[in-house]
Amino acid sequence: MVSYLDGYDAVFLPGKIHGAEHQIYIIYYNPDADNGNGCFEIEVLDAERIVELYEYVDGDAENFFTLLPDWFQGKWYYCDRKCIDFKNYVECYNEADFIIGRDGGMGAELNLIVSSFC
């Protein structure tokens, strides 16, 4: 079992923990955030921009994840330890559809994300 403390991406496909059929959530734990107290960073990715970014980088996983923050600016959320949802993210982390290290690498993560909408 992978721990959320490892900081690996956990990908939740549409509707899994959020109910939106056109969005994917990627959550990961950042131990340095919130002045060293740690928090979850939640990336909310919509289908249209995922496909556009994938085509823009010609399917290159490293470029995709490098450019992801810029393409989804304003769609990043944070959940610190004081947040009511923090415990929920801890509990559902291992129920993700994909976790880096458990289910494959960066290329496999990108393939899962893109195939969810194509």
PDB file of N, CA and C in Angstrom:
ATOM      1  N   MET A   1       0.844  -1.169   0.000  1.00  0.00           N
ATOM      2  CA  MET A   1       0.000   0.000   0.000  1.00  0.00           C
ATOM      3  C   MET A   1       0.900   1.247   0.000  1.00  0.00           C
ATOM      4  N   VAL A   2       0.548   2.207  -0.842  1.00  0.00           N
ATOM      5  CA  VAL A   2       1.274   3.463  -0.932  1.00  0.00           C
ATOM      6  C   VAL A   2       0.669   4.440   0.073  1.00  0.00           C
ATOM      7  N   SER A   3       1.508   5.213   0.722  1.00  0.00           N
ATOM      8  CA  SER A   3       1.033   6.195   1.685  1.00  0.00           C
ATOM      9  C   SER A   3       0.918   7.562   1.022  1.00  0.00           C
ATOM     10  N   TYR A   4      -0.080   8.318   1.410  1.00  0.00           N
ATOM     11  CA  TYR A   4      -0.222   9.674   0.889  1.00  0.00           C
ATOM     12  C   TYR A   4       0.995  10.517   1.253  1.00  0.00           C
ATOM     13  N   LEU A   5       1.680  10.152   2.325  1.00  0.00           N
ATOM     14  CA  LEU A   5       2.852  10.897   2.772  1.00  0.00           C
ATOM     15  C   LEU A   5       4.008  10.820   1.784  1.00  0.00           C
ATOM     16  N   ASP A   6       3.960   9.830   0.878  1.00  0.00           N
ATOM     17  CA  ASP A   6       4.993   9.702  -0.143  1.00  0.00           C
ATOM     18  C   ASP A   6       4.903  10.813  -1.185  1.00  0.00           C
ATOM     19  N   GLY A   7       3.744  11.475  -1.268  1.00  0.00           N
ATOM     20  CA  GLY A   7       3.590  12.609  -2.172  1.00  0.00           C
ATOM     21  C   GLY A   7       3.332  12.260  -3.623  1.00  0.00           C
ATOM     22  N   TYR A   8       2.974  11.019  -3.899  1.00  0.00           N
ATOM     23  CA  TYR A   8       2.725  10.605  -5.281  1.00  0.00           C
ATOM     24  C   TYR A   8       1.346  11.047  -5.747  1.00  0.00           C
ATOM     25  N   ASP A   9       1.249  11.347  -7.050  1.00  0.00           N
ATOM     26  CA  ASP A   9      -0.042  11.676  -7.650  1.00  0.00           C
ATOM     27  C   ASP A   9      -1.030  10.540  -7.444  1.00  0.00           C
ATOM     28  N   ALA A  10      -2.237  10.892  -7.041  1.00  0.00           N
ATOM     29  CA  ALA A  10      -3.350   9.946  -6.981  1.00  0.00           C
ATOM     30  C   ALA A  10      -4.418  10.509  -7.917  1.00  0.00           C
ATOM     31  N   VAL A  11      -4.733   9.766  -8.975  1.00  0.00           N
ATOM     32  CA  VAL A  11      -5.666  10.224 -10.000  1.00  0.00           C
ATOM     33  C   VAL A  11      -7.038   9.609  -9.742  1.00  0.00           C
ATOM     34  N   PHE A  12      -8.035  10.476  -9.676  1.00  0.00           N
ATOM     35  CA  PHE A  12      -9.416  10.042  -9.505  1.00  0.00           C
ATOM     36  C   PHE A  12     -10.168  10.396 -10.778  1.00  0.00           C
ATOM     37  N   LEU A  13     -10.652   9.384 -11.450  1.00  0.00           N
ATOM     38  CA  LEU A  13     -11.356   9.577 -12.721  1.00  0.00           C
ATOM     39  C   LEU A  13     -12.699  10.261 -12.510  1.00  0.00           C
ATOM     40  N   PRO A  14     -13.318  10.702 -13.586  1.00  0.00           N
ATOM     41  CA  PRO A  14     -14.578  11.457 -13.473  1.00  0.00           C
ATOM     42  C   PRO A  14     -15.605  10.784 -12.574  1.00  0.00           C
ATOM     43  N   GLY A  15     -16.141  11.586 -11.653  1.00  0.00           N
ATOM     44  CA  GLY A  15     -17.212  11.135 -10.776  1.00  0.00           C
ATOM     45  C   GLY A  15     -16.793  10.341  -9.565  1.00  0.00           C
ATOM     46  N   LYS A  16     -15.516   9.991  -9.450  1.00  0.00           N
ATOM     47  CA  LYS A  16     -15.097   9.086  -8.379  1.00  0.00           C
ATOM     48  C   LYS A  16     -15.213   9.721  -6.986  1.00  0.00           C
ATOM     49  N   ILE A  17     -14.640  10.897  -6.769  1.00  0.00           N
ATOM     50  CA  ILE A  17     -14.731  11.522  -5.449  1.00  0.00           C
ATOM     51  C   ILE A  17     -15.337  12.912  -5.514  1.00  0.00           C
ATOM     52  N   HIS A  18     -15.759  13.308  -6.702  1.00  0.00           N
ATOM     53  CA  HIS A  18     -16.181  14.690  -6.867  1.00  0.00           C
ATOM     54  C   HIS A  18     -17.466  14.875  -7.637  1.00  0.00           C
ATOM     55  N   GLY A  19     -17.946  13.867  -8.297  1.00  0.00           N
ATOM     56  CA  GLY A  19     -19.245  13.936  -8.962  1.00  0.00           C
ATOM     57  C   GLY A  19     -19.279  14.599 -10.324  1.00  0.00           C
ATOM     58  N   ALA A  20     -18.193  15.223 -10.751  1.00  0.00           N
ATOM     59  CA  ALA A  20     -18.180  15.904 -12.052  1.00  0.00           C
ATOM     60  C   ALA A  20     -17.739  14.929 -13.140  1.00  0.00           C
ATOM     61  N   GLU A  21     -18.599  14.708 -14.104  1.00  0.00           N
ATOM     62  CA  GLU A  21     -18.323  13.726 -15.155  1.00  0.00           C
ATOM     63  C   GLU A  21     -17.318  14.202 -16.197  1.00  0.00           C
ATOM     64  N   HIS A  22     -16.989  15.474 -16.208  1.00  0.00           N
ATOM     65  CA  HIS A  22     -16.043  15.991 -17.203  1.00  0.00           C
ATOM     66  C   HIS A  22     -14.721  16.425 -16.560  1.00  0.00           C
ATOM     67  N   GLN A  23     -14.476  15.998 -15.315  1.00  0.00           N
ATOM     68  CA  GLN A  23     -13.258  16.396 -14.627  1.00  0.00           C
ATOM     69  C   GLN A  23     -12.544  15.204 -14.000  1.00  0.00           C
ATOM     70  N   ILE A  24     -11.239  15.334 -13.948  1.00  0.00           N
ATOM     71  CA  ILE A  24     -10.382  14.395 -13.236  1.00  0.00           C
ATOM     72  C   ILE A  24      -9.746  15.170 -12.101  1.00  0.00           C
ATOM     73  N   TYR A  25      -9.604  14.529 -10.955  1.00  0.00           N
ATOM     74  CA  TYR A  25      -8.890  15.144  -9.839  1.00  0.00           C
ATOM     75  C   TYR A  25      -7.568  14.405  -9.669  1.00  0.00           C
ATOM     76  N   ILE A  26      -6.500  15.168  -9.530  1.00  0.00           N
ATOM     77  CA  ILE A  26      -5.215  14.614  -9.129  1.00  0.00           C
ATOM     78  C   ILE A  26      -4.899  15.242  -7.777  1.00  0.00           C
ATOM     79  N   ILE A  27      -4.678  14.398  -6.789  1.00  0.00           N
ATOM     80  CA  ILE A  27      -4.308  14.913  -5.472  1.00  0.00           C
ATOM     81  C   ILE A  27      -2.938  14.364  -5.101  1.00  0.00           C
ATOM     82  N   TYR A  28      -2.200  15.177  -4.402  1.00  0.00           N
ATOM     83  CA  TYR A  28      -0.931  14.717  -3.852  1.00  0.00           C
ATOM     84  C   TYR A  28      -0.621  15.527  -2.609  1.00  0.00           C
ATOM     85  N   TYR A  29       0.134  14.914  -1.738  1.00  0.00           N
ATOM     86  CA  TYR A  29       0.488  15.550  -0.469  1.00  0.00           C
ATOM     87  C   TYR A  29       1.807  16.281  -0.634  1.00  0.00           C
ATOM     88  N   ASN A  30       1.827  17.545  -0.244  1.00  0.00           N
ATOM     89  CA  ASN A  30       3.030  18.362  -0.279  1.00  0.00           C
ATOM     90  C   ASN A  30       3.422  18.662   1.165  1.00  0.00           C
ATOM     91  N   PRO A  31       4.462  17.997   1.679  1.00  0.00           N
ATOM     92  CA  PRO A  31       4.828  18.171   3.089  1.00  0.00           C
ATOM     93  C   PRO A  31       5.390  19.558   3.415  1.00  0.00           C
ATOM     94  N   ASP A  32       5.860  20.275   2.408  1.00  0.00           N
ATOM     95  CA  ASP A  32       6.462  21.590   2.628  1.00  0.00           C
ATOM     96  C   ASP A  32       5.439  22.724   2.618  1.00  0.00           C
ATOM     97  N   ALA A  33       4.256  22.459   2.125  1.00  0.00           N
ATOM     98  CA  ALA A  33       3.232  23.502   2.031  1.00  0.00           C
ATOM     99  C   ALA A  33       2.731  23.896   3.414  1.00  0.00           C
ATOM    100  N   ASP A  34       2.009  24.975   3.463  1.00  0.00           N
ATOM    101  CA  ASP A  34       1.418  25.486   4.710  1.00  0.00           C
ATOM    102  C   ASP A  34       2.481  25.640   5.806  1.00  0.00           C
ATOM    103  N   ASN A  35       3.551  26.335   5.435  1.00  0.00           N
ATOM    104  CA  ASN A  35       4.644  26.607   6.383  1.00  0.00           C
ATOM    105  C   ASN A  35       5.217  25.340   7.017  1.00  0.00           C
ATOM    106  N   GLY A  36       5.336  24.284   6.217  1.00  0.00           N
ATOM    107  CA  GLY A  36       5.914  23.040   6.702  1.00  0.00           C
ATOM    108  C   GLY A  36       4.954  22.114   7.411  1.00  0.00           C
ATOM    109  N   ASN A  37       3.682  22.507   7.495  1.00  0.00           N
ATOM    110  CA  ASN A  37       2.682  21.644   8.131  1.00  0.00           C
ATOM    111  C   ASN A  37       2.115  20.610   7.172  1.00  0.00           C
ATOM    112  N   GLY A  38       2.309  20.822   5.882  1.00  0.00           N
ATOM    113  CA  GLY A  38       1.826  19.903   4.856  1.00  0.00           C
ATOM    114  C   GLY A  38       0.376  20.124   4.493  1.00  0.00           C
ATOM    115  N   CYS A  39       0.050  19.820   3.240  1.00  0.00           N
ATOM    116  CA  CYS A  39      -1.333  19.896   2.774  1.00  0.00           C
ATOM    117  C   CYS A  39      -1.480  19.076   1.503  1.00  0.00           C
ATOM    118  N   PHE A  40      -2.717  18.788   1.169  1.00  0.00           N
ATOM    119  CA  PHE A  40      -2.998  18.173  -0.119  1.00  0.00           C
ATOM    120  C   PHE A  40      -3.132  19.277  -1.157  1.00  0.00           C
ATOM    121  N   GLU A  41      -2.565  19.022  -2.321  1.00  0.00           N
ATOM    122  CA  GLU A  41      -2.777  19.895  -3.457  1.00  0.00           C
ATOM    123  C   GLU A  41      -3.707  19.137  -4.389  1.00  0.00           C
ATOM    124  N   ILE A  42      -4.756  19.787  -4.823  1.00  0.00           N
ATOM    125  CA  ILE A  42      -5.794  19.154  -5.633  1.00  0.00           C
ATOM    126  C   ILE A  42      -5.851  19.862  -6.977  1.00  0.00           C
ATOM    127  N   GLU A  43      -5.576  19.112  -8.030  1.00  0.00           N
ATOM    128  CA  GLU A  43      -5.621  19.635  -9.388  1.00  0.00           C
ATOM    129  C   GLU A  43      -6.941  19.192 -10.012  1.00  0.00           C
ATOM    130  N   VAL A  44      -7.715  20.125 -10.472  1.00  0.00           N
ATOM    131  CA  VAL A  44      -8.987  19.827 -11.117  1.00  0.00           C
ATOM    132  C   VAL A  44      -8.789  20.017 -12.614  1.00  0.00           C
ATOM    133  N   LEU A  45      -8.831  18.912 -13.359  1.00  0.00           N
ATOM    134  CA  LEU A  45      -8.536  18.926 -14.789  1.00  0.00           C
ATOM    135  C   LEU A  45      -9.791  18.634 -15.594  1.00  0.00           C
ATOM    136  N   ASP A  46     -10.115  19.528 -16.515  1.00  0.00           N
ATOM    137  CA  ASP A  46     -11.283  19.300 -17.361  1.00  0.00           C
ATOM    138  C   ASP A  46     -10.870  18.675 -18.691  1.00  0.00           C
ATOM    139  N   ALA A  47     -11.802  17.980 -19.297  1.00  0.00           N
ATOM    140  CA  ALA A  47     -11.555  17.202 -20.504  1.00  0.00           C
ATOM    141  C   ALA A  47     -11.010  18.047 -21.651  1.00  0.00           C
ATOM    142  N   GLU A  48     -11.611  19.188 -21.894  1.00  0.00           N
ATOM    143  CA  GLU A  48     -11.221  20.002 -23.047  1.00  0.00           C
ATOM    144  C   GLU A  48      -9.752  20.420 -22.975  1.00  0.00           C
ATOM    145  N   ARG A  49      -9.336  20.936 -21.827  1.00  0.00           N
ATOM    146  CA  ARG A  49      -7.938  21.380 -21.714  1.00  0.00           C
ATOM    147  C   ARG A  49      -6.957  20.218 -21.647  1.00  0.00           C
ATOM    148  N   ILE A  50      -7.376  19.085 -21.099  1.00  0.00           N
ATOM    149  CA  ILE A  50      -6.504  17.912 -21.100  1.00  0.00           C
ATOM    150  C   ILE A  50      -6.160  17.528 -22.533  1.00  0.00           C
ATOM    151  N   VAL A  51      -7.170  17.439 -23.371  1.00  0.00           N
ATOM    152  CA  VAL A  51      -6.957  17.048 -24.770  1.00  0.00           C
ATOM    153  C   VAL A  51      -6.119  18.096 -25.497  1.00  0.00           C
ATOM    154  N   GLU A  52      -6.416  19.382 -25.271  1.00  0.00           N
ATOM    155  CA  GLU A  52      -5.642  20.446 -25.917  1.00  0.00           C
ATOM    156  C   GLU A  52      -4.171  20.383 -25.513  1.00  0.00           C
ATOM    157  N   LEU A  53      -3.905  20.217 -24.232  1.00  0.00           N
ATOM    158  CA  LEU A  53      -2.531  20.151 -23.750  1.00  0.00           C
ATOM    159  C   LEU A  53      -1.833  18.906 -24.286  1.00  0.00           C
ATOM    160  N   TYR A  54      -2.516  17.789 -24.293  1.00  0.00           N
ATOM    161  CA  TYR A  54      -1.953  16.541 -24.812  1.00  0.00           C
ATOM    162  C   TYR A  54      -1.539  16.715 -26.269  1.00  0.00           C
ATOM    163  N   GLU A  55      -2.392  17.325 -27.069  1.00  0.00           N
ATOM    164  CA  GLU A  55      -2.065  17.558 -28.473  1.00  0.00           C
ATOM    165  C   GLU A  55      -0.924  18.567 -28.613  1.00  0.00           C
ATOM    166  N   TYR A  56      -0.928  19.588 -27.776  1.00  0.00           N
ATOM    167  CA  TYR A  56       0.106  20.619 -27.817  1.00  0.00           C
ATOM    168  C   TYR A  56       1.500  20.030 -27.578  1.00  0.00           C
ATOM    169  N   VAL A  57       1.614  19.074 -26.643  1.00  0.00           N
ATOM    170  CA  VAL A  57       2.911  18.471 -26.322  1.00  0.00           C
ATOM    171  C   VAL A  57       3.166  17.206 -27.133  1.00  0.00           C
ATOM    172  N   ASP A  58       2.270  16.917 -28.064  1.00  0.00           N
ATOM    173  CA  ASP A  58       2.389  15.745 -28.929  1.00  0.00           C
ATOM    174  C   ASP A  58       2.555  14.460 -28.120  1.00  0.00           C
ATOM    175  N   GLY A  59       1.811  14.375 -27.020  1.00  0.00           N
ATOM    176  CA  GLY A  59       1.791  13.155 -26.223  1.00  0.00           C
ATOM    177  C   GLY A  59       2.983  12.945 -25.311  1.00  0.00           C
ATOM    178  N   ASP A  60       3.863  13.920 -25.197  1.00  0.00           N
ATOM    179  CA  ASP A  60       5.052  13.786 -24.355  1.00  0.00           C
ATOM    180  C   ASP A  60       4.667  13.985 -22.885  1.00  0.00           C
ATOM    181  N   ALA A  61       4.798  12.933 -22.086  1.00  0.00           N
ATOM    182  CA  ALA A  61       4.348  12.968 -20.688  1.00  0.00           C
ATOM    183  C   ALA A  61       5.111  13.987 -19.855  1.00  0.00           C
ATOM    184  N   GLU A  62       6.423  14.051 -20.025  1.00  0.00           N
ATOM    185  CA  GLU A  62       7.210  14.990 -19.223  1.00  0.00           C
ATOM    186  C   GLU A  62       6.785  16.432 -19.502  1.00  0.00           C
ATOM    187  N   ASN A  63       6.617  16.786 -20.766  1.00  0.00           N
ATOM    188  CA  ASN A  63       6.168  18.139 -21.114  1.00  0.00           C
ATOM    189  C   ASN A  63       4.743  18.393 -20.630  1.00  0.00           C
ATOM    190  N   PHE A  64       3.895  17.385 -20.732  1.00  0.00           N
ATOM    191  CA  PHE A  64       2.511  17.522 -20.282  1.00  0.00           C
ATOM    192  C   PHE A  64       2.470  17.941 -18.816  1.00  0.00           C
ATOM    193  N   PHE A  65       3.174  17.202 -17.966  1.00  0.00           N
ATOM    194  CA  PHE A  65       3.122  17.490 -16.531  1.00  0.00           C
ATOM    195  C   PHE A  65       3.908  18.746 -16.161  1.00  0.00           C
ATOM    196  N   THR A  66       4.894  19.104 -16.971  1.00  0.00           N
ATOM    197  CA  THR A  66       5.619  20.361 -16.744  1.00  0.00           C
ATOM    198  C   THR A  66       4.712  21.555 -17.016  1.00  0.00           C
ATOM    199  N   LEU A  67       3.920  21.484 -18.087  1.00  0.00           N
ATOM    200  CA  LEU A  67       3.046  22.594 -18.479  1.00  0.00           C
ATOM    201  C   LEU A  67       1.700  22.596 -17.755  1.00  0.00           C
ATOM    202  N   LEU A  68       1.367  21.503 -17.115  1.00  0.00           N
ATOM    203  CA  LEU A  68       0.071  21.363 -16.457  1.00  0.00           C
ATOM    204  C   LEU A  68      -0.286  22.544 -15.544  1.00  0.00           C
ATOM    205  N   PRO A  69       0.593  23.001 -14.668  1.00  0.00           N
ATOM    206  CA  PRO A  69       0.214  24.117 -13.786  1.00  0.00           C
ATOM    207  C   PRO A  69      -0.180  25.386 -14.545  1.00  0.00           C
ATOM    208  N   ASP A  70       0.511  25.671 -15.636  1.00  0.00           N
ATOM    209  CA  ASP A  70       0.187  26.874 -16.413  1.00  0.00           C
ATOM    210  C   ASP A  70      -1.155  26.746 -17.127  1.00  0.00           C
ATOM    211  N   TRP A  71      -1.431  25.576 -17.662  1.00  0.00           N
ATOM    212  CA  TRP A  71      -2.670  25.372 -18.415  1.00  0.00           C
ATOM    213  C   TRP A  71      -3.894  25.305 -17.508  1.00  0.00           C
ATOM    214  N   PHE A  72      -3.682  24.937 -16.270  1.00  0.00           N
ATOM    215  CA  PHE A  72      -4.801  24.798 -15.332  1.00  0.00           C
ATOM    216  C   PHE A  72      -4.702  25.791 -14.181  1.00  0.00           C
ATOM    217  N   GLN A  73      -4.069  26.918 -14.452  1.00  0.00           N
ATOM    218  CA  GLN A  73      -3.941  27.956 -13.431  1.00  0.00           C
ATOM    219  C   GLN A  73      -5.327  28.373 -12.947  1.00  0.00           C
ATOM    220  N   GLY A  74      -5.455  28.491 -11.645  1.00  0.00           N
ATOM    221  CA  GLY A  74      -6.742  28.838 -11.056  1.00  0.00           C
ATOM    222  C   GLY A  74      -7.629  27.628 -10.802  1.00  0.00           C
ATOM    223  N   LYS A  75      -7.168  26.450 -11.177  1.00  0.00           N
ATOM    224  CA  LYS A  75      -7.915  25.205 -10.957  1.00  0.00           C
ATOM    225  C   LYS A  75      -7.169  24.293  -9.989  1.00  0.00           C
ATOM    226  N   TRP A  76      -6.342  24.902  -9.152  1.00  0.00           N
ATOM    227  CA  TRP A  76      -5.574  24.195  -8.144  1.00  0.00           C
ATOM    228  C   TRP A  76      -6.147  24.570  -6.797  1.00  0.00           C
ATOM    229  N   TYR A  77      -6.374  23.615  -5.960  1.00  0.00           N
ATOM    230  CA  TYR A  77      -6.914  23.873  -4.635  1.00  0.00           C
ATOM    231  C   TYR A  77      -5.997  23.255  -3.590  1.00  0.00           C
ATOM    232  N   TYR A  78      -6.101  23.743  -2.393  1.00  0.00           N
ATOM    233  CA  TYR A  78      -5.271  23.260  -1.303  1.00  0.00           C
ATOM    234  C   TYR A  78      -6.162  22.851  -0.139  1.00  0.00           C
ATOM    235  N   CYS A  79      -5.753  21.800   0.535  1.00  0.00           N
ATOM    236  CA  CYS A  79      -6.497  21.309   1.694  1.00  0.00           C
ATOM    237  C   CYS A  79      -5.475  21.048   2.802  1.00  0.00           C
ATOM    238  N   ASP A  80      -5.375  22.000   3.731  1.00  0.00           N
ATOM    239  CA  ASP A  80      -4.407  21.828   4.809  1.00  0.00           C
ATOM    240  C   ASP A  80      -4.999  20.932   5.907  1.00  0.00           C
ATOM    241  N   ARG A  81      -4.207  20.657   6.890  1.00  0.00           N
ATOM    242  CA  ARG A  81      -4.618  19.727   7.953  1.00  0.00           C
ATOM    243  C   ARG A  81      -5.808  20.228   8.765  1.00  0.00           C
ATOM    244  N   LYS A  82      -6.072  21.520   8.729  1.00  0.00           N
ATOM    245  CA  LYS A  82      -7.218  22.081   9.460  1.00  0.00           C
ATOM    246  C   LYS A  82      -8.511  21.977   8.654  1.00  0.00           C
ATOM    247  N   CYS A  83      -8.380  21.714   7.381  1.00  0.00           N
ATOM    248  CA  CYS A  83      -9.545  21.634   6.490  1.00  0.00           C
ATOM    249  C   CYS A  83     -10.376  20.385   6.826  1.00  0.00           C
ATOM    250  N   ILE A  84     -11.667  20.542   6.806  1.00  0.00           N
ATOM    251  CA  ILE A  84     -12.577  19.437   7.142  1.00  0.00           C
ATOM    252  C   ILE A  84     -12.414  18.243   6.191  1.00  0.00           C
ATOM    253  N   ASP A  85     -12.003  18.498   4.955  1.00  0.00           N
ATOM    254  CA  ASP A  85     -11.859  17.422   3.972  1.00  0.00           C
ATOM    255  C   ASP A  85     -10.521  16.693   4.047  1.00  0.00           C
ATOM    256  N   PHE A  86      -9.582  17.172   4.843  1.00  0.00           N
ATOM    257  CA  PHE A  86      -8.250  16.560   4.886  1.00  0.00           C
ATOM    258  C   PHE A  86      -8.336  15.066   5.201  1.00  0.00           C
ATOM    259  N   LYS A  87      -9.078  14.722   6.224  1.00  0.00           N
ATOM    260  CA  LYS A  87      -9.218  13.324   6.625  1.00  0.00           C
ATOM    261  C   LYS A  87      -9.835  12.484   5.492  1.00  0.00           C
ATOM    262  N   ASN A  88     -10.788  13.064   4.772  1.00  0.00           N
ATOM    263  CA  ASN A  88     -11.413  12.348   3.652  1.00  0.00           C
ATOM    264  C   ASN A  88     -10.392  12.026   2.565  1.00  0.00           C
ATOM    265  N   TYR A  89      -9.501  12.975   2.256  1.00  0.00           N
ATOM    266  CA  TYR A  89      -8.472  12.726   1.251  1.00  0.00           C
ATOM    267  C   TYR A  89      -7.501  11.650   1.720  1.00  0.00           C
ATOM    268  N   VAL A  90      -7.153  11.645   2.992  1.00  0.00           N
ATOM    269  CA  VAL A  90      -6.281  10.601   3.531  1.00  0.00           C
ATOM    270  C   VAL A  90      -6.948   9.240   3.360  1.00  0.00           C
ATOM    271  N   GLU A  91      -8.226   9.155   3.718  1.00  0.00           N
ATOM    272  CA  GLU A  91      -8.943   7.876   3.668  1.00  0.00           C
ATOM    273  C   GLU A  91      -9.165   7.373   2.256  1.00  0.00           C
ATOM    274  N   CYS A  92      -9.360   8.254   1.293  1.00  0.00           N
ATOM    275  CA  CYS A  92      -9.656   7.802  -0.071  1.00  0.00           C
ATOM    276  C   CYS A  92      -8.420   7.704  -0.956  1.00  0.00           C
ATOM    277  N   TYR A  93      -7.266   8.135  -0.465  1.00  0.00           N
ATOM    278  CA  TYR A  93      -6.051   8.185  -1.289  1.00  0.00           C
ATOM    279  C   TYR A  93      -5.779   6.857  -1.989  1.00  0.00           C
ATOM    280  N   ASN A  94      -5.777   5.751  -1.267  1.00  0.00           N
ATOM    281  CA  ASN A  94      -5.460   4.450  -1.863  1.00  0.00           C
ATOM    282  C   ASN A  94      -6.589   3.870  -2.702  1.00  0.00           C
ATOM    283  N   GLU A  95      -7.727   4.543  -2.738  1.00  0.00           N
ATOM    284  CA  GLU A  95      -8.829   4.119  -3.601  1.00  0.00           C
ATOM    285  C   GLU A  95      -8.758   4.797  -4.966  1.00  0.00           C
ATOM    286  N   ALA A  96      -7.694   5.565  -5.198  1.00  0.00           N
ATOM    287  CA  ALA A  96      -7.532   6.264  -6.475  1.00  0.00           C
ATOM    288  C   ALA A  96      -7.488   5.259  -7.618  1.00  0.00           C
ATOM    289  N   ASP A  97      -7.872   5.725  -8.795  1.00  0.00           N
ATOM    290  CA  ASP A  97      -7.816   4.886  -9.988  1.00  0.00           C
ATOM    291  C   ASP A  97      -6.383   4.637 -10.432  1.00  0.00           C
ATOM    292  N   PHE A  98      -5.489   5.534 -10.045  1.00  0.00           N
ATOM    293  CA  PHE A  98      -4.088   5.409 -10.428  1.00  0.00           C
ATOM    294  C   PHE A  98      -3.248   6.159  -9.401  1.00  0.00           C
ATOM    295  N   ILE A  99      -2.170   5.520  -8.948  1.00  0.00           N
ATOM    296  CA  ILE A  99      -1.197   6.180  -8.091  1.00  0.00           C
ATOM    297  C   ILE A  99       0.186   5.906  -8.679  1.00  0.00           C
ATOM    298  N   ILE A 100       0.947   6.983  -8.879  1.00  0.00           N
ATOM    299  CA  ILE A 100       2.323   6.845  -9.370  1.00  0.00           C
ATOM    300  C   ILE A 100       3.063   5.908  -8.419  1.00  0.00           C
ATOM    301  N   GLY A 101       3.813   4.992  -8.993  1.00  0.00           N
ATOM    302  CA  GLY A 101       4.576   4.055  -8.178  1.00  0.00           C
ATOM    303  C   GLY A 101       3.817   2.783  -7.873  1.00  0.00           C
ATOM    304  N   ARG A 102       2.524   2.887  -7.700  1.00  0.00           N
ATOM    305  CA  ARG A 102       1.711   1.690  -7.468  1.00  0.00           C
ATOM    306  C   ARG A 102       1.230   1.121  -8.797  1.00  0.00           C
ATOM    307  N   ASP A 103       0.838   2.012  -9.704  1.00  0.00           N
ATOM    308  CA  ASP A 103       0.197   1.579 -10.952  1.00  0.00           C
ATOM    309  C   ASP A 103       1.021   1.885 -12.199  1.00  0.00           C
ATOM    310  N   GLY A 104       2.162   2.491 -12.038  1.00  0.00           N
ATOM    311  CA  GLY A 104       2.999   2.808 -13.192  1.00  0.00           C
ATOM    312  C   GLY A 104       3.648   4.166 -13.041  1.00  0.00           C
ATOM    313  N   GLY A 105       4.288   4.586 -14.117  1.00  0.00           N
ATOM    314  CA  GLY A 105       5.005   5.850 -14.109  1.00  0.00           C
ATOM    315  C   GLY A 105       4.223   6.977 -14.752  1.00  0.00           C
ATOM    316  N   MET A 106       4.950   8.035 -15.081  1.00  0.00           N
ATOM    317  CA  MET A 106       4.359   9.253 -15.621  1.00  0.00           C
ATOM    318  C   MET A 106       3.628   9.002 -16.944  1.00  0.00           C
ATOM    319  N   GLY A 107       4.211   8.188 -17.817  1.00  0.00           N
ATOM    320  CA  GLY A 107       3.573   7.882 -19.099  1.00  0.00           C
ATOM    321  C   GLY A 107       2.257   7.150 -18.923  1.00  0.00           C
ATOM    322  N   ALA A 108       2.229   6.207 -17.997  1.00  0.00           N
ATOM    323  CA  ALA A 108       0.994   5.461 -17.727  1.00  0.00           C
ATOM    324  C   ALA A 108      -0.072   6.371 -17.131  1.00  0.00           C
ATOM    325  N   GLU A 109       0.357   7.302 -16.278  1.00  0.00           N
ATOM    326  CA  GLU A 109      -0.587   8.257 -15.690  1.00  0.00           C
ATOM    327  C   GLU A 109      -1.216   9.115 -16.792  1.00  0.00           C
ATOM    328  N   LEU A 110      -0.385   9.616 -17.690  1.00  0.00           N
ATOM    329  CA  LEU A 110      -0.906  10.428 -18.790  1.00  0.00           C
ATOM    330  C   LEU A 110      -1.856   9.626 -19.663  1.00  0.00           C
ATOM    331  N   ASN A 111      -1.504   8.394 -19.988  1.00  0.00           N
ATOM    332  CA  ASN A 111      -2.380   7.556 -20.808  1.00  0.00           C
ATOM    333  C   ASN A 111      -3.741   7.355 -20.157  1.00  0.00           C
ATOM    334  N   LEU A 112      -3.772   7.133 -18.854  1.00  0.00           N
ATOM    335  CA  LEU A 112      -5.037   6.959 -18.152  1.00  0.00           C
ATOM    336  C   LEU A 112      -5.852   8.234 -18.222  1.00  0.00           C
ATOM    337  N   ILE A 113      -5.220   9.365 -17.966  1.00  0.00           N
ATOM    338  CA  ILE A 113      -5.921  10.646 -17.976  1.00  0.00           C
ATOM    339  C   ILE A 113      -6.530  10.924 -19.336  1.00  0.00           C
ATOM    340  N   VAL A 114      -5.723  10.800 -20.379  1.00  0.00           N
ATOM    341  CA  VAL A 114      -6.195  11.118 -21.733  1.00  0.00           C
ATOM    342  C   VAL A 114      -7.244  10.106 -22.198  1.00  0.00           C
ATOM    343  N   SER A 115      -7.041   8.838 -21.902  1.00  0.00           N
ATOM    344  CA  SER A 115      -7.989   7.821 -22.367  1.00  0.00           C
ATOM    345  C   SER A 115      -9.360   7.949 -21.683  1.00  0.00           C
ATOM    346  N   SER A 116      -9.403   8.662 -20.573  1.00  0.00           N
ATOM    347  CA  SER A 116     -10.668   8.865 -19.878  1.00  0.00           C
ATOM    348  C   SER A 116     -11.631   9.724 -20.676  1.00  0.00           C
ATOM    349  N   PHE A 117     -11.064  10.536 -21.568  1.00  0.00           N
ATOM    350  CA  PHE A 117     -11.900  11.481 -22.328  1.00  0.00           C
ATOM    351  C   PHE A 117     -11.839  11.257 -23.827  1.00  0.00           C
ATOM    352  N   CYS A 118     -10.987  10.364 -24.314  1.00  0.00           N
ATOM    353  CA  CYS A 118     -10.861  10.153 -25.765  1.00  0.00           C
ATOM    354  C   CYS A 118     -11.431   8.807 -26.161  1.00  0.00           C
TER     355      CYS A 118
END
